[in-house]
């Protein structure tokens, strides 16, 4: 039996040395054959050279380097596509998710005969109250709008078996929301509660803009309900407009309105309905943009260097 630990990396030179040391202890401590597969997501610092050194020193370490930064979701996908293990653990390089928990997740997976063990955060150290609140709100909104249940308060930290790996490889879409796809697959999934640590070093690579982008991708990729919401909003505004029209016409022919009372109310109505139209068009545009990206058929990522160790 073989365990592969997939580690997407982007500008993590400050922490990758400590991460590598802890990961080596993990694979040394399991009775199975273990390997570490790093995916360098176009890092602009010294991360790539450090990973190449790790790979050259140890045959259990492999490296995939992208030609540029394609994003964490693409890096996770590349790791799964190249994974050779019977089981794969996915973990970030920042040590917020403790690598030492991987053997426990593996033991739980075998005991329960599960296909996926996903890490659910019991606490989140080193994060602002605003980030924790927005993350909680997002996961609940996503679950509410999704066509299938997505576990709350989870990230990409999880363990998957060979059946899930092969199923993931069969999915053709390029703009993936990985944790949503795992939920969509089904199989037997169980949670693993843990306390998330603060970053060991460096700064988060997810800015507010990137988090918003990931959130939008998650919503669009996993549900058509935003289209239904847009349609409902459109119908409500049309009905409201019809009621207002009937009222104005009735008042006019009943001679109750002799002059236009002012422009403020008219301006507000125009702005409101224009905003609703732009909202609906925007939702449609997101889906069309996603479809446009898929139709182009471009690869999800481009590999610059593939070092098998």
C-alpha atoms as a PDB file:
ATOM      1  CA  UNK A   1       0.000   0.000   0.000  1.00  0.00           C
ATOM      2  CA  UNK A   2       1.165   3.493  -0.803  1.00  0.00           C
ATOM      3  CA  UNK A   3       0.346   6.930   0.595  1.00  0.00           C
ATOM      4  CA  UNK A   4       0.916  10.098  -1.417  1.00  0.00           C
ATOM      5  CA  UNK A   5       0.889  13.489   0.304  1.00  0.00           C
ATOM      6  CA  UNK A   6      -0.029  16.249  -2.171  1.00  0.00           C
ATOM      7  CA  UNK A   7       1.252  19.702  -1.218  1.00  0.00           C
ATOM      8  CA  UNK A   8       0.396  22.743  -3.391  1.00  0.00           C
ATOM      9  CA  UNK A   9       2.943  25.547  -2.854  1.00  0.00           C
ATOM     10  CA  UNK A  10       3.026  29.209  -3.805  1.00  0.00           C
ATOM     11  CA  UNK A  11       5.710  31.545  -2.435  1.00  0.00           C
ATOM     12  CA  UNK A  12       6.265  29.514   0.735  1.00  0.00           C
ATOM     13  CA  UNK A  13      10.060  29.762   1.119  1.00  0.00           C
ATOM     14  CA  UNK A  14       9.709  30.987   4.714  1.00  0.00           C
ATOM     15  CA  UNK A  15       7.871  27.875   5.856  1.00  0.00           C
ATOM     16  CA  UNK A  16       8.548  25.119   3.321  1.00  0.00           C
ATOM     17  CA  UNK A  17      11.660  23.857   5.155  1.00  0.00           C
ATOM     18  CA  UNK A  18       9.719  23.254   8.359  1.00  0.00           C
ATOM     19  CA  UNK A  19       6.845  21.764   6.366  1.00  0.00           C
ATOM     20  CA  UNK A  20       9.148  19.315   4.614  1.00  0.00           C
ATOM     21  CA  UNK A  21      10.736  18.176   7.886  1.00  0.00           C
ATOM     22  CA  UNK A  22       7.355  17.472   9.451  1.00  0.00           C
ATOM     23  CA  UNK A  23       6.092  15.676   6.347  1.00  0.00           C
ATOM     24  CA  UNK A  24       9.157  13.420   6.293  1.00  0.00           C
ATOM     25  CA  UNK A  25       8.457  12.453   9.899  1.00  0.00           C
ATOM     26  CA  UNK A  26       4.894  11.578   8.900  1.00  0.00           C
ATOM     27  CA  UNK A  27       5.856   9.233   6.060  1.00  0.00           C
ATOM     28  CA  UNK A  28       8.647   7.732   8.212  1.00  0.00           C
ATOM     29  CA  UNK A  29       6.070   6.983  10.890  1.00  0.00           C
ATOM     30  CA  UNK A  30       3.576   5.068   8.732  1.00  0.00           C
ATOM     31  CA  UNK A  31       4.033   1.404   7.919  1.00  0.00           C
ATOM     32  CA  UNK A  32       3.148   1.966   4.270  1.00  0.00           C
ATOM     33  CA  UNK A  33       5.320   3.259   1.465  1.00  0.00           C
ATOM     34  CA  UNK A  34       5.030   7.021   1.567  1.00  0.00           C
ATOM     35  CA  UNK A  35       5.845   9.805  -0.865  1.00  0.00           C
ATOM     36  CA  UNK A  36       5.504  13.583  -0.993  1.00  0.00           C
ATOM     37  CA  UNK A  37       4.315  15.254  -4.190  1.00  0.00           C
ATOM     38  CA  UNK A  38       4.920  19.006  -4.231  1.00  0.00           C
ATOM     39  CA  UNK A  39       3.140  21.170  -6.801  1.00  0.00           C
ATOM     40  CA  UNK A  40       4.933  24.477  -7.293  1.00  0.00           C
ATOM     41  CA  UNK A  41       2.210  26.880  -8.436  1.00  0.00           C
ATOM     42  CA  UNK A  42       4.466  29.363 -10.239  1.00  0.00           C
ATOM     43  CA  UNK A  43       6.261  30.638  -7.120  1.00  0.00           C
ATOM     44  CA  UNK A  44       8.268  33.834  -7.618  1.00  0.00           C
ATOM     45  CA  UNK A  45      10.529  33.416  -4.552  1.00  0.00           C
ATOM     46  CA  UNK A  46      12.966  30.646  -3.612  1.00  0.00           C
ATOM     47  CA  UNK A  47      10.300  27.972  -3.164  1.00  0.00           C
ATOM     48  CA  UNK A  48      11.030  26.240  -6.482  1.00  0.00           C
ATOM     49  CA  UNK A  49      14.776  25.865  -5.854  1.00  0.00           C
ATOM     50  CA  UNK A  50      14.140  24.520  -2.350  1.00  0.00           C
ATOM     51  CA  UNK A  51      11.655  21.968  -3.670  1.00  0.00           C
ATOM     52  CA  UNK A  52      14.097  20.871  -6.379  1.00  0.00           C
ATOM     53  CA  UNK A  53      16.707  20.314  -3.704  1.00  0.00           C
ATOM     54  CA  UNK A  54      14.277  18.214  -1.635  1.00  0.00           C
ATOM     55  CA  UNK A  55      13.465  16.138  -4.693  1.00  0.00           C
ATOM     56  CA  UNK A  56      17.109  15.576  -5.677  1.00  0.00           C
ATOM     57  CA  UNK A  57      18.030  14.408  -2.158  1.00  0.00           C
ATOM     58  CA  UNK A  58      15.166  11.986  -1.566  1.00  0.00           C
ATOM     59  CA  UNK A  59      13.578   9.572  -4.039  1.00  0.00           C
ATOM     60  CA  UNK A  60      10.354   9.711  -2.034  1.00  0.00           C
ATOM     61  CA  UNK A  61       9.890  13.357  -3.010  1.00  0.00           C
ATOM     62  CA  UNK A  62       8.504  14.427  -6.401  1.00  0.00           C
ATOM     63  CA  UNK A  63       7.946  17.879  -7.850  1.00  0.00           C
ATOM     64  CA  UNK A  64       5.648  19.388 -10.446  1.00  0.00           C
ATOM     65  CA  UNK A  65       6.278  23.026 -11.395  1.00  0.00           C
ATOM     66  CA  UNK A  66       3.765  25.179 -13.271  1.00  0.00           C
ATOM     67  CA  UNK A  67       4.767  27.684 -15.940  1.00  0.00           C
ATOM     68  CA  UNK A  68       2.944  30.383 -13.951  1.00  0.00           C
ATOM     69  CA  UNK A  69       0.547  30.779 -11.051  1.00  0.00           C
ATOM     70  CA  UNK A  70      -2.620  28.899 -12.014  1.00  0.00           C
ATOM     71  CA  UNK A  71      -4.160  28.853  -8.537  1.00  0.00           C
ATOM     72  CA  UNK A  72      -4.492  26.406  -5.677  1.00  0.00           C
ATOM     73  CA  UNK A  73      -7.401  24.498  -7.209  1.00  0.00           C
ATOM     74  CA  UNK A  74      -5.362  23.768 -10.336  1.00  0.00           C
ATOM     75  CA  UNK A  75      -2.390  22.741  -8.178  1.00  0.00           C
ATOM     76  CA  UNK A  76      -4.522  20.277  -6.220  1.00  0.00           C
ATOM     77  CA  UNK A  77      -5.906  18.905  -9.496  1.00  0.00           C
ATOM     78  CA  UNK A  78      -2.400  18.395 -10.890  1.00  0.00           C
ATOM     79  CA  UNK A  79      -1.392  16.539  -7.745  1.00  0.00           C
ATOM     80  CA  UNK A  80      -4.355  14.200  -7.988  1.00  0.00           C
ATOM     81  CA  UNK A  81      -3.745  13.629 -11.703  1.00  0.00           C
ATOM     82  CA  UNK A  82      -0.119  12.579 -11.000  1.00  0.00           C
ATOM     83  CA  UNK A  83      -0.790  10.726  -7.752  1.00  0.00           C
ATOM     84  CA  UNK A  84       0.431   7.119  -7.693  1.00  0.00           C
ATOM     85  CA  UNK A  85      -0.668   6.180  -4.189  1.00  0.00           C
ATOM     86  CA  UNK A  86      -3.543   3.990  -3.071  1.00  0.00           C
ATOM     87  CA  UNK A  87      -4.481   6.859  -0.767  1.00  0.00           C
ATOM     88  CA  UNK A  88      -3.731  10.561  -1.127  1.00  0.00           C
ATOM     89  CA  UNK A  89      -3.639  13.247   1.540  1.00  0.00           C
ATOM     90  CA  UNK A  90      -4.092  16.859   0.421  1.00  0.00           C
ATOM     91  CA  UNK A  91      -2.566  19.510   2.663  1.00  0.00           C
ATOM     92  CA  UNK A  92      -1.426  23.127   2.299  1.00  0.00           C
ATOM     93  CA  UNK A  93       2.218  24.065   2.801  1.00  0.00           C
ATOM     94  CA  UNK A  94       1.586  26.723   5.465  1.00  0.00           C
ATOM     95  CA  UNK A  95       1.275  24.247   8.394  1.00  0.00           C
ATOM     96  CA  UNK A  96      -2.135  25.563   9.413  1.00  0.00           C
ATOM     97  CA  UNK A  97      -3.334  21.995   8.935  1.00  0.00           C
ATOM     98  CA  UNK A  98      -1.024  19.820  11.106  1.00  0.00           C
ATOM     99  CA  UNK A  99       0.641  17.083   9.001  1.00  0.00           C
ATOM    100  CA  UNK A 100       0.828  14.858  12.092  1.00  0.00           C
ATOM    101  CA  UNK A 101      -2.932  14.291  11.780  1.00  0.00           C
ATOM    102  CA  UNK A 102      -2.585  12.435   8.489  1.00  0.00           C
ATOM    103  CA  UNK A 103      -1.896   8.999  10.078  1.00  0.00           C
ATOM    104  CA  UNK A 104      -4.953   9.474  12.299  1.00  0.00           C
ATOM    105  CA  UNK A 105      -7.075  10.304   9.247  1.00  0.00           C
ATOM    106  CA  UNK A 106      -5.706   7.253   7.466  1.00  0.00           C
ATOM    107  CA  UNK A 107      -6.482   5.008  10.429  1.00  0.00           C
ATOM    108  CA  UNK A 108     -10.018   6.400  10.619  1.00  0.00           C
ATOM    109  CA  UNK A 109     -10.489   5.888   6.883  1.00  0.00           C
ATOM    110  CA  UNK A 110      -9.469   2.241   7.124  1.00  0.00           C
ATOM    111  CA  UNK A 111     -11.507   1.602  10.261  1.00  0.00           C
ATOM    112  CA  UNK A 112     -14.700   3.070   8.832  1.00  0.00           C
ATOM    113  CA  UNK A 113     -14.027   1.772   5.296  1.00  0.00           C
ATOM    114  CA  UNK A 114     -14.581   5.293   4.031  1.00  0.00           C
ATOM    115  CA  UNK A 115     -13.548   6.761   0.686  1.00  0.00           C
ATOM    116  CA  UNK A 116     -13.018  10.328   1.906  1.00  0.00           C
ATOM    117  CA  UNK A 117     -12.014  11.696   5.294  1.00  0.00           C
ATOM    118  CA  UNK A 118     -12.335  15.483   5.275  1.00  0.00           C
ATOM    119  CA  UNK A 119     -10.918  17.761   7.929  1.00  0.00           C
ATOM    120  CA  UNK A 120     -13.501  19.951   9.616  1.00  0.00           C
ATOM    121  CA  UNK A 121     -12.163  22.921  11.556  1.00  0.00           C
ATOM    122  CA  UNK A 122     -13.204  23.026  15.168  1.00  0.00           C
ATOM    123  CA  UNK A 123     -11.264  26.247  15.722  1.00  0.00           C
ATOM    124  CA  UNK A 124      -9.227  28.602  13.524  1.00  0.00           C
ATOM    125  CA  UNK A 125      -6.217  30.197  15.214  1.00  0.00           C
ATOM    126  CA  UNK A 126      -4.485  33.278  13.880  1.00  0.00           C
ATOM    127  CA  UNK A 127      -7.473  34.517  11.879  1.00  0.00           C
ATOM    128  CA  UNK A 128      -9.417  37.704  12.413  1.00  0.00           C
ATOM    129  CA  UNK A 129     -12.978  37.643  13.653  1.00  0.00           C
ATOM    130  CA  UNK A 130     -14.070  39.156  10.305  1.00  0.00           C
ATOM    131  CA  UNK A 131     -12.452  36.341   8.308  1.00  0.00           C
ATOM    132  CA  UNK A 132     -13.971  33.658  10.545  1.00  0.00           C
ATOM    133  CA  UNK A 133     -17.393  35.276  10.289  1.00  0.00           C
ATOM    134  CA  UNK A 134     -17.279  35.697   6.497  1.00  0.00           C
ATOM    135  CA  UNK A 135     -15.985  32.136   6.036  1.00  0.00           C
ATOM    136  CA  UNK A 136     -18.785  30.737   8.177  1.00  0.00           C
ATOM    137  CA  UNK A 137     -21.359  32.800   6.294  1.00  0.00           C
ATOM    138  CA  UNK A 138     -19.987  31.733   2.922  1.00  0.00           C
ATOM    139  CA  UNK A 139     -19.977  28.012   3.680  1.00  0.00           C
ATOM    140  CA  UNK A 140     -23.568  28.176   4.886  1.00  0.00           C
ATOM    141  CA  UNK A 141     -24.676  30.209   1.886  1.00  0.00           C
ATOM    142  CA  UNK A 142     -22.915  27.803  -0.459  1.00  0.00           C
ATOM    143  CA  UNK A 143     -24.581  24.836   1.225  1.00  0.00           C
ATOM    144  CA  UNK A 144     -27.962  26.525   0.983  1.00  0.00           C
ATOM    145  CA  UNK A 145     -27.601  27.258  -2.727  1.00  0.00           C
ATOM    146  CA  UNK A 146     -25.833  24.051  -3.697  1.00  0.00           C
ATOM    147  CA  UNK A 147     -27.740  21.216  -5.313  1.00  0.00           C
ATOM    148  CA  UNK A 148     -26.016  18.740  -2.977  1.00  0.00           C
ATOM    149  CA  UNK A 149     -24.716  19.069   0.594  1.00  0.00           C
ATOM    150  CA  UNK A 150     -21.182  20.411   1.067  1.00  0.00           C
ATOM    151  CA  UNK A 151     -19.589  19.874   4.502  1.00  0.00           C
ATOM    152  CA  UNK A 152     -19.399  23.077   6.542  1.00  0.00           C
ATOM    153  CA  UNK A 153     -16.138  24.651   7.744  1.00  0.00           C
ATOM    154  CA  UNK A 154     -13.883  22.496   5.582  1.00  0.00           C
ATOM    155  CA  UNK A 155     -10.999  23.240   3.254  1.00  0.00           C
ATOM    156  CA  UNK A 156      -8.906  21.067   0.973  1.00  0.00           C
ATOM    157  CA  UNK A 157      -7.311  19.162   3.887  1.00  0.00           C
ATOM    158  CA  UNK A 158      -8.543  15.599   3.413  1.00  0.00           C
ATOM    159  CA  UNK A 159      -7.673  11.996   2.662  1.00  0.00           C
ATOM    160  CA  UNK A 160      -9.038  10.234  -0.432  1.00  0.00           C
ATOM    161  CA  UNK A 161      -8.775   6.666  -1.645  1.00  0.00           C
ATOM    162  CA  UNK A 162      -8.063   5.261  -5.105  1.00  0.00           C
ATOM    163  CA  UNK A 163     -11.710   5.162  -6.149  1.00  0.00           C
ATOM    164  CA  UNK A 164     -12.039   8.890  -5.522  1.00  0.00           C
ATOM    165  CA  UNK A 165      -8.739   9.596  -7.285  1.00  0.00           C
ATOM    166  CA  UNK A 166      -9.888   7.783 -10.424  1.00  0.00           C
ATOM    167  CA  UNK A 167     -13.316   9.435 -10.304  1.00  0.00           C
ATOM    168  CA  UNK A 168     -11.693  12.867  -9.994  1.00  0.00           C
ATOM    169  CA  UNK A 169      -9.466  12.183 -12.982  1.00  0.00           C
ATOM    170  CA  UNK A 170     -12.519  11.432 -15.111  1.00  0.00           C
ATOM    171  CA  UNK A 171     -14.002  14.907 -14.589  1.00  0.00           C
ATOM    172  CA  UNK A 172     -13.359  17.041 -17.699  1.00  0.00           C
ATOM    173  CA  UNK A 173     -14.061  20.567 -16.461  1.00  0.00           C
ATOM    174  CA  UNK A 174     -11.161  23.002 -16.170  1.00  0.00           C
ATOM    175  CA  UNK A 175     -12.419  25.576 -13.655  1.00  0.00           C
ATOM    176  CA  UNK A 176     -12.739  23.279 -10.685  1.00  0.00           C
ATOM    177  CA  UNK A 177     -13.916  23.912  -7.152  1.00  0.00           C
ATOM    178  CA  UNK A 178     -12.238  20.868  -5.669  1.00  0.00           C
ATOM    179  CA  UNK A 179     -14.032  20.547  -2.344  1.00  0.00           C
ATOM    180  CA  UNK A 180     -17.362  20.935  -4.139  1.00  0.00           C
ATOM    181  CA  UNK A 181     -16.470  18.166  -6.586  1.00  0.00           C
ATOM    182  CA  UNK A 182     -15.620  15.803  -3.749  1.00  0.00           C
ATOM    183  CA  UNK A 183     -19.033  16.497  -2.227  1.00  0.00           C
ATOM    184  CA  UNK A 184     -20.720  15.936  -5.615  1.00  0.00           C
ATOM    185  CA  UNK A 185     -19.010  12.554  -6.087  1.00  0.00           C
ATOM    186  CA  UNK A 186     -20.774  10.975  -3.157  1.00  0.00           C
ATOM    187  CA  UNK A 187     -19.014   7.837  -1.871  1.00  0.00           C
ATOM    188  CA  UNK A 188     -18.687   7.296   1.866  1.00  0.00           C
ATOM    189  CA  UNK A 189     -17.403  10.463   3.491  1.00  0.00           C
ATOM    190  CA  UNK A 190     -16.721  11.064   7.168  1.00  0.00           C
ATOM    191  CA  UNK A 191     -15.487  14.127   9.028  1.00  0.00           C
ATOM    192  CA  UNK A 192     -12.353  14.485  11.094  1.00  0.00           C
ATOM    193  CA  UNK A 193     -12.532  17.291  13.657  1.00  0.00           C
ATOM    194  CA  UNK A 194      -9.344  19.197  14.389  1.00  0.00           C
ATOM    195  CA  UNK A 195      -8.043  22.549  15.578  1.00  0.00           C
ATOM    196  CA  UNK A 196      -6.483  24.626  12.841  1.00  0.00           C
ATOM    197  CA  UNK A 197      -3.222  26.361  13.715  1.00  0.00           C
ATOM    198  CA  UNK A 198      -2.010  29.805  12.722  1.00  0.00           C
ATOM    199  CA  UNK A 199       0.448  30.076   9.841  1.00  0.00           C
ATOM    200  CA  UNK A 200       3.936  28.983  10.900  1.00  0.00           C
ATOM    201  CA  UNK A 201       5.530  31.791   8.848  1.00  0.00           C
ATOM    202  CA  UNK A 202       4.805  34.152   5.993  1.00  0.00           C
ATOM    203  CA  UNK A 203       1.491  35.662   4.992  1.00  0.00           C
ATOM    204  CA  UNK A 204      -1.660  34.199   3.514  1.00  0.00           C
ATOM    205  CA  UNK A 205      -1.718  34.078  -0.283  1.00  0.00           C
ATOM    206  CA  UNK A 206      -5.486  34.518  -0.356  1.00  0.00           C
ATOM    207  CA  UNK A 207      -6.322  38.213  -0.474  1.00  0.00           C
ATOM    208  CA  UNK A 208      -9.902  39.381  -0.044  1.00  0.00           C
ATOM    209  CA  UNK A 209     -10.249  39.612  -3.831  1.00  0.00           C
ATOM    210  CA  UNK A 210      -8.971  36.053  -4.313  1.00  0.00           C
ATOM    211  CA  UNK A 211     -11.286  34.759  -1.590  1.00  0.00           C
ATOM    212  CA  UNK A 212     -14.241  36.469  -3.287  1.00  0.00           C
ATOM    213  CA  UNK A 213     -13.212  34.960  -6.630  1.00  0.00           C
ATOM    214  CA  UNK A 214     -12.969  31.485  -5.088  1.00  0.00           C
ATOM    215  CA  UNK A 215     -16.369  32.002  -3.479  1.00  0.00           C
ATOM    216  CA  UNK A 216     -17.945  32.956  -6.811  1.00  0.00           C
ATOM    217  CA  UNK A 217     -16.334  29.960  -8.532  1.00  0.00           C
ATOM    218  CA  UNK A 218     -17.723  27.721  -5.797  1.00  0.00           C
ATOM    219  CA  UNK A 219     -21.241  29.082  -6.228  1.00  0.00           C
ATOM    220  CA  UNK A 220     -21.250  28.994 -10.022  1.00  0.00           C
ATOM    221  CA  UNK A 221     -19.539  25.601 -10.330  1.00  0.00           C
ATOM    222  CA  UNK A 222     -21.775  23.788  -7.858  1.00  0.00           C
ATOM    223  CA  UNK A 223     -25.251  25.130  -8.368  1.00  0.00           C
ATOM    224  CA  UNK A 224     -27.738  26.523 -10.858  1.00  0.00           C
ATOM    225  CA  UNK A 225     -29.785  28.063  -8.082  1.00  0.00           C
ATOM    226  CA  UNK A 226     -28.332  31.571  -8.579  1.00  0.00           C
ATOM    227  CA  UNK A 227     -30.052  31.467 -11.977  1.00  0.00           C
ATOM    228  CA  UNK A 228     -33.306  30.565 -10.250  1.00  0.00           C
ATOM    229  CA  UNK A 229     -32.798  33.396  -7.765  1.00  0.00           C
ATOM    230  CA  UNK A 230     -32.122  35.814 -10.616  1.00  0.00           C
ATOM    231  CA  UNK A 231     -35.275  34.637 -12.383  1.00  0.00           C
ATOM    232  CA  UNK A 232     -37.323  35.042  -9.197  1.00  0.00           C
ATOM    233  CA  UNK A 233     -35.987  38.544  -8.611  1.00  0.00           C
ATOM    234  CA  UNK A 234     -36.786  39.423 -12.208  1.00  0.00           C
ATOM    235  CA  UNK A 235     -40.341  38.124 -11.887  1.00  0.00           C
ATOM    236  CA  UNK A 236     -40.897  40.018  -8.624  1.00  0.00           C
ATOM    237  CA  UNK A 237     -39.703  43.276 -10.148  1.00  0.00           C
ATOM    238  CA  UNK A 238     -41.904  42.775 -13.221  1.00  0.00           C
ATOM    239  CA  UNK A 239     -44.933  42.183 -10.993  1.00  0.00           C
ATOM    240  CA  UNK A 240     -44.061  45.250  -8.929  1.00  0.00           C
ATOM    241  CA  UNK A 241     -43.714  47.291 -12.111  1.00  0.00           C
ATOM    242  CA  UNK A 242     -47.104  46.076 -13.371  1.00  0.00           C
ATOM    243  CA  UNK A 243     -48.787  46.963 -10.064  1.00  0.00           C
ATOM    244  CA  UNK A 244     -47.219  50.415 -10.162  1.00  0.00           C
ATOM    245  CA  UNK A 245     -48.359  50.876 -13.773  1.00  0.00           C
ATOM    246  CA  UNK A 246     -51.934  49.909 -12.922  1.00  0.00           C
ATOM    247  CA  UNK A 247     -51.894  52.319  -9.978  1.00  0.00           C
ATOM    248  CA  UNK A 248     -50.593  55.219 -12.077  1.00  0.00           C
ATOM    249  CA  UNK A 249     -53.067  54.601 -14.914  1.00  0.00           C
ATOM    250  CA  UNK A 250     -56.003  54.275 -12.494  1.00  0.00           C
ATOM    251  CA  UNK A 251     -55.023  57.463 -10.687  1.00  0.00           C
ATOM    252  CA  UNK A 252     -54.557  59.316 -13.957  1.00  0.00           C
ATOM    253  CA  UNK A 253     -57.920  58.409 -15.489  1.00  0.00           C
ATOM    254  CA  UNK A 254     -59.643  58.999 -12.176  1.00  0.00           C
ATOM    255  CA  UNK A 255     -58.301  62.559 -12.376  1.00  0.00           C
ATOM    256  CA  UNK A 256     -56.470  62.104  -9.077  1.00  0.00           C
ATOM    257  CA  UNK A 257     -53.132  63.013 -10.609  1.00  0.00           C
ATOM    258  CA  UNK A 258     -52.952  66.378 -12.346  1.00  0.00           C
ATOM    259  CA  UNK A 259     -49.193  67.065 -12.285  1.00  0.00           C
ATOM    260  CA  UNK A 260     -46.065  65.069 -11.831  1.00  0.00           C
ATOM    261  CA  UNK A 261     -45.252  65.414  -8.115  1.00  0.00           C
ATOM    262  CA  UNK A 262     -41.464  65.354  -8.681  1.00  0.00           C
ATOM    263  CA  UNK A 263     -38.565  63.545 -10.177  1.00  0.00           C
ATOM    264  CA  UNK A 264     -37.121  61.886  -7.041  1.00  0.00           C
ATOM    265  CA  UNK A 265     -39.504  58.938  -6.902  1.00  0.00           C
ATOM    266  CA  UNK A 266     -39.167  58.355 -10.645  1.00  0.00           C
ATOM    267  CA  UNK A 267     -35.385  58.440 -10.421  1.00  0.00           C
ATOM    268  CA  UNK A 268     -35.390  55.981  -7.523  1.00  0.00           C
ATOM    269  CA  UNK A 269     -37.617  53.564  -9.408  1.00  0.00           C
ATOM    270  CA  UNK A 270     -35.410  53.757 -12.504  1.00  0.00           C
ATOM    271  CA  UNK A 271     -32.266  53.180 -10.479  1.00  0.00           C
ATOM    272  CA  UNK A 272     -33.837  50.261  -8.623  1.00  0.00           C
ATOM    273  CA  UNK A 273     -35.045  48.420 -11.695  1.00  0.00           C
ATOM    274  CA  UNK A 274     -31.824  49.154 -13.556  1.00  0.00           C
ATOM    275  CA  UNK A 275     -29.887  47.628 -10.664  1.00  0.00           C
ATOM    276  CA  UNK A 276     -32.073  44.529 -10.722  1.00  0.00           C
ATOM    277  CA  UNK A 277     -31.500  44.161 -14.465  1.00  0.00           C
ATOM    278  CA  UNK A 278     -27.756  44.499 -14.065  1.00  0.00           C
ATOM    279  CA  UNK A 279     -27.826  41.956 -11.235  1.00  0.00           C
ATOM    280  CA  UNK A 280     -29.644  39.389 -13.355  1.00  0.00           C
ATOM    281  CA  UNK A 281     -27.411  40.070 -16.358  1.00  0.00           C
ATOM    282  CA  UNK A 282     -24.357  39.730 -14.118  1.00  0.00           C
ATOM    283  CA  UNK A 283     -25.440  36.304 -12.867  1.00  0.00           C
ATOM    284  CA  UNK A 284     -26.045  35.181 -16.442  1.00  0.00           C
ATOM    285  CA  UNK A 285     -22.679  36.610 -17.419  1.00  0.00           C
ATOM    286  CA  UNK A 286     -20.883  34.543 -14.783  1.00  0.00           C
ATOM    287  CA  UNK A 287     -22.385  31.340 -16.123  1.00  0.00           C
ATOM    288  CA  UNK A 288     -21.680  32.333 -19.728  1.00  0.00           C
ATOM    289  CA  UNK A 289     -18.107  33.242 -18.805  1.00  0.00           C
ATOM    290  CA  UNK A 290     -17.613  29.877 -17.162  1.00  0.00           C
ATOM    291  CA  UNK A 291     -19.055  28.173 -20.246  1.00  0.00           C
ATOM    292  CA  UNK A 292     -16.796  30.279 -22.481  1.00  0.00           C
ATOM    293  CA  UNK A 293     -13.708  29.149 -20.570  1.00  0.00           C
ATOM    294  CA  UNK A 294     -14.731  25.503 -20.861  1.00  0.00           C
ATOM    295  CA  UNK A 295     -15.525  25.738 -24.582  1.00  0.00           C
ATOM    296  CA  UNK A 296     -12.083  27.170 -25.363  1.00  0.00           C
ATOM    297  CA  UNK A 297     -10.627  23.870 -24.228  1.00  0.00           C
ATOM    298  CA  UNK A 298      -7.450  25.336 -22.750  1.00  0.00           C
ATOM    299  CA  UNK A 299      -5.615  23.113 -20.253  1.00  0.00           C
ATOM    300  CA  UNK A 300      -6.254  23.669 -16.573  1.00  0.00           C
ATOM    301  CA  UNK A 301      -2.537  24.222 -16.041  1.00  0.00           C
ATOM    302  CA  UNK A 302       0.782  24.034 -17.927  1.00  0.00           C
ATOM    303  CA  UNK A 303       3.668  22.097 -16.444  1.00  0.00           C
ATOM    304  CA  UNK A 304       7.088  23.744 -16.780  1.00  0.00           C
ATOM    305  CA  UNK A 305       9.070  21.064 -14.968  1.00  0.00           C
ATOM    306  CA  UNK A 306       8.150  17.567 -13.850  1.00  0.00           C
ATOM    307  CA  UNK A 307      10.701  15.981 -11.532  1.00  0.00           C
ATOM    308  CA  UNK A 308       9.778  12.491 -10.427  1.00  0.00           C
ATOM    309  CA  UNK A 309      12.496  12.463  -7.750  1.00  0.00           C
END
